[in-house]
Every structure is written in structure tokens, then in C-alpha cells.
Amino acid sequence: MLLLYIPMFRTRYILYPNHMTVICFGKMRIPYQFITNMKETHNPLSSAALSLDRIQIDFIKLGIICK
């Protein structure tokens, strides 16, 4: 049960001029040119957050669109 709460307090998004870095159980670097779509959502599966006001970011990773 504790593992469900850790991402809510440990998730970080850092914006740089050419990419964004997501830190949660590791580090993921997403170049802005690989982002294909961003939309407002209330889906609790789209990200770890305490609020239901979320942004879903779709991006290309290894030729596959990830949501």
C-alpha cells in the first residue's frame, strides 16, 4: 500500500530549454520534439498526483507513442 503513495510525493517534473525530465522511481528525459500531444484530464491513471486535475503527455519512445 505504501508504494501507491510514494509517487505522489516523489514525482518531479523539471523543464529545460530542449527537454523535460520526469523523476519518479528513476529519471526519464523527454525531448520536446518527441511530445505528440498534451491534454487536460481527470484520469487517475494518467499520472501520480494528489489532485485529479492532471495533464496527460503523449510522447514517442523508441518509435512507439507512449501515454
N, C-alpha and C. Protein backbone atom coordinates (compact mmCIF):
# COMPACT_ATOMS: atom_id res chain seq x y z
N MET A 1 0.82 -1.19 0.00
CA MET A 1 0.00 0.00 0.00
C MET A 1 0.87 1.26 0.00
N LEU A 2 1.99 1.20 0.69
CA LEU A 2 2.88 2.35 0.75
C LEU A 2 3.42 2.72 -0.64
N LEU A 3 3.66 1.73 -1.50
CA LEU A 3 4.18 2.00 -2.84
C LEU A 3 3.21 2.85 -3.66
N LEU A 4 1.93 2.81 -3.36
CA LEU A 4 0.96 3.63 -4.09
C LEU A 4 1.09 5.10 -3.73
N TYR A 5 1.56 5.42 -2.55
CA TYR A 5 1.66 6.81 -2.11
C TYR A 5 3.01 7.46 -2.43
N ILE A 6 4.06 6.68 -2.58
CA ILE A 6 5.39 7.23 -2.82
C ILE A 6 5.44 8.08 -4.09
N PRO A 7 4.90 7.65 -5.25
CA PRO A 7 4.97 8.50 -6.44
C PRO A 7 4.27 9.85 -6.26
N MET A 8 3.26 9.92 -5.42
CA MET A 8 2.54 11.17 -5.24
C MET A 8 3.40 12.24 -4.58
N PHE A 9 4.34 11.83 -3.76
CA PHE A 9 5.17 12.79 -3.05
C PHE A 9 6.56 12.92 -3.66
N ARG A 10 6.97 11.99 -4.48
CA ARG A 10 8.32 11.97 -5.02
C ARG A 10 8.40 12.27 -6.51
N THR A 11 7.32 12.49 -7.19
CA THR A 11 7.35 12.77 -8.62
C THR A 11 7.74 14.23 -8.84
N ARG A 12 8.71 14.45 -9.72
CA ARG A 12 9.18 15.79 -10.03
C ARG A 12 9.25 15.96 -11.55
N TYR A 13 8.89 17.13 -12.02
CA TYR A 13 8.99 17.49 -13.42
C TYR A 13 9.90 18.71 -13.50
N ILE A 14 10.97 18.61 -14.27
CA ILE A 14 11.92 19.71 -14.43
C ILE A 14 11.94 20.09 -15.90
N LEU A 15 11.67 21.35 -16.19
CA LEU A 15 11.63 21.83 -17.57
C LEU A 15 12.95 22.52 -17.92
N TYR A 16 13.55 22.08 -19.03
CA TYR A 16 14.77 22.66 -19.55
C TYR A 16 14.47 23.26 -20.93
N PRO A 17 15.39 24.01 -21.52
CA PRO A 17 15.11 24.62 -22.82
C PRO A 17 14.79 23.61 -23.93
N ASN A 18 15.40 22.41 -23.92
CA ASN A 18 15.20 21.45 -25.02
C ASN A 18 14.48 20.18 -24.62
N HIS A 19 14.27 19.96 -23.34
CA HIS A 19 13.64 18.71 -22.88
C HIS A 19 13.04 18.90 -21.49
N MET A 20 12.25 17.91 -21.08
CA MET A 20 11.78 17.88 -19.70
C MET A 20 12.23 16.57 -19.08
N THR A 21 12.49 16.62 -17.78
CA THR A 21 12.92 15.43 -17.05
C THR A 21 11.85 15.09 -16.03
N VAL A 22 11.46 13.81 -16.01
CA VAL A 22 10.49 13.31 -15.04
C VAL A 22 11.24 12.40 -14.09
N ILE A 23 11.14 12.68 -12.79
CA ILE A 23 11.84 11.88 -11.79
C ILE A 23 10.79 11.20 -10.91
N CYS A 24 10.74 9.87 -10.98
CA CYS A 24 9.84 9.06 -10.17
C CYS A 24 10.29 7.61 -10.31
N PHE A 25 10.85 7.04 -9.29
CA PHE A 25 11.43 5.68 -9.35
C PHE A 25 12.49 5.60 -10.44
N GLY A 26 13.16 6.66 -10.74
CA GLY A 26 14.15 6.73 -11.80
C GLY A 26 14.01 8.07 -12.50
N LYS A 27 14.73 8.23 -13.60
CA LYS A 27 14.75 9.50 -14.31
C LYS A 27 14.46 9.26 -15.78
N MET A 28 13.53 10.03 -16.36
CA MET A 28 13.21 9.92 -17.77
C MET A 28 13.35 11.30 -18.42
N ARG A 29 14.12 11.37 -19.48
CA ARG A 29 14.33 12.62 -20.22
C ARG A 29 13.50 12.56 -21.49
N ILE A 30 12.63 13.55 -21.69
CA ILE A 30 11.75 13.57 -22.86
C ILE A 30 12.03 14.84 -23.65
N PRO A 31 12.68 14.72 -24.82
CA PRO A 31 12.88 15.91 -25.67
C PRO A 31 11.53 16.44 -26.15
N TYR A 32 11.40 17.76 -26.20
CA TYR A 32 10.12 18.37 -26.57
C TYR A 32 9.67 17.95 -27.97
N GLN A 33 10.60 17.70 -28.90
CA GLN A 33 10.19 17.31 -30.25
C GLN A 33 9.54 15.93 -30.28
N PHE A 34 9.68 15.12 -29.22
CA PHE A 34 9.05 13.80 -29.17
C PHE A 34 7.65 13.84 -28.54
N ILE A 35 7.25 14.99 -27.98
CA ILE A 35 5.91 15.11 -27.41
C ILE A 35 4.92 15.29 -28.55
N THR A 36 3.92 14.40 -28.62
CA THR A 36 2.96 14.42 -29.72
C THR A 36 1.63 15.06 -29.32
N ASN A 37 1.30 15.04 -28.04
CA ASN A 37 0.02 15.58 -27.60
C ASN A 37 0.05 15.85 -26.10
N MET A 38 -0.67 16.89 -25.70
CA MET A 38 -0.86 17.19 -24.28
C MET A 38 -2.32 17.56 -24.12
N LYS A 39 -2.97 17.01 -23.08
CA LYS A 39 -4.36 17.37 -22.85
C LYS A 39 -4.69 17.30 -21.36
N GLU A 40 -5.67 18.11 -20.98
CA GLU A 40 -6.16 18.10 -19.60
C GLU A 40 -6.98 16.84 -19.38
N THR A 41 -6.81 16.23 -18.22
CA THR A 41 -7.55 15.01 -17.91
C THR A 41 -7.83 14.94 -16.41
N HIS A 42 -8.76 14.09 -16.06
CA HIS A 42 -9.06 13.81 -14.65
C HIS A 42 -8.88 12.31 -14.37
N ASN A 43 -8.21 11.63 -15.29
CA ASN A 43 -7.96 10.20 -15.19
C ASN A 43 -6.86 9.94 -14.15
N PRO A 44 -7.17 9.20 -13.07
CA PRO A 44 -6.14 8.95 -12.05
C PRO A 44 -5.01 8.06 -12.54
N LEU A 45 -5.16 7.40 -13.69
CA LEU A 45 -4.10 6.55 -14.22
C LEU A 45 -3.09 7.32 -15.07
N SER A 46 -3.39 8.59 -15.39
CA SER A 46 -2.51 9.33 -16.29
C SER A 46 -1.22 9.77 -15.61
N SER A 47 -1.25 9.96 -14.28
CA SER A 47 -0.03 10.34 -13.55
C SER A 47 -0.27 10.20 -12.06
N ALA A 48 0.83 10.23 -11.33
CA ALA A 48 0.73 10.18 -9.87
C ALA A 48 0.61 11.61 -9.36
N ALA A 49 -0.49 11.91 -8.69
CA ALA A 49 -0.70 13.25 -8.15
C ALA A 49 -1.77 13.20 -7.08
N LEU A 50 -1.74 14.16 -6.19
CA LEU A 50 -2.77 14.22 -5.16
C LEU A 50 -4.07 14.79 -5.69
N SER A 51 -4.01 15.58 -6.74
CA SER A 51 -5.18 16.20 -7.34
C SER A 51 -5.65 15.38 -8.55
N LEU A 52 -6.92 15.49 -8.89
CA LEU A 52 -7.41 14.85 -10.11
C LEU A 52 -7.28 15.78 -11.32
N ASP A 53 -6.80 17.00 -11.13
CA ASP A 53 -6.51 17.90 -12.24
C ASP A 53 -5.12 17.55 -12.75
N ARG A 54 -5.07 16.92 -13.92
CA ARG A 54 -3.80 16.39 -14.43
C ARG A 54 -3.62 16.73 -15.89
N ILE A 55 -2.42 16.58 -16.38
CA ILE A 55 -2.11 16.74 -17.79
C ILE A 55 -1.55 15.43 -18.30
N GLN A 56 -2.17 14.90 -19.35
CA GLN A 56 -1.66 13.69 -19.99
C GLN A 56 -0.71 14.11 -21.09
N ILE A 57 0.51 13.58 -21.07
CA ILE A 57 1.52 13.89 -22.07
C ILE A 57 1.80 12.63 -22.87
N ASP A 58 1.50 12.69 -24.18
CA ASP A 58 1.80 11.58 -25.08
C ASP A 58 3.12 11.90 -25.77
N PHE A 59 4.03 10.91 -25.86
CA PHE A 59 5.32 11.15 -26.47
C PHE A 59 5.80 9.88 -27.16
N ILE A 60 6.78 10.04 -28.04
CA ILE A 60 7.34 8.92 -28.80
C ILE A 60 8.59 8.42 -28.08
N LYS A 61 8.62 7.10 -27.82
CA LYS A 61 9.79 6.47 -27.20
C LYS A 61 10.10 5.22 -28.00
N LEU A 62 11.27 5.19 -28.60
CA LEU A 62 11.70 4.07 -29.44
C LEU A 62 10.70 3.79 -30.56
N GLY A 63 10.15 4.84 -31.15
CA GLY A 63 9.22 4.70 -32.27
C GLY A 63 7.80 4.34 -31.86
N ILE A 64 7.51 4.24 -30.57
CA ILE A 64 6.18 3.88 -30.07
C ILE A 64 5.62 5.09 -29.33
N ILE A 65 4.34 5.41 -29.59
CA ILE A 65 3.69 6.51 -28.87
C ILE A 65 3.32 6.04 -27.47
N CYS A 66 3.83 6.69 -26.45
CA CYS A 66 3.56 6.35 -25.06
C CYS A 66 2.61 7.37 -24.48
N LYS A 67 1.73 6.90 -23.61
CA LYS A 67 0.78 7.81 -22.95
C LYS A 67 1.04 7.79 -21.47
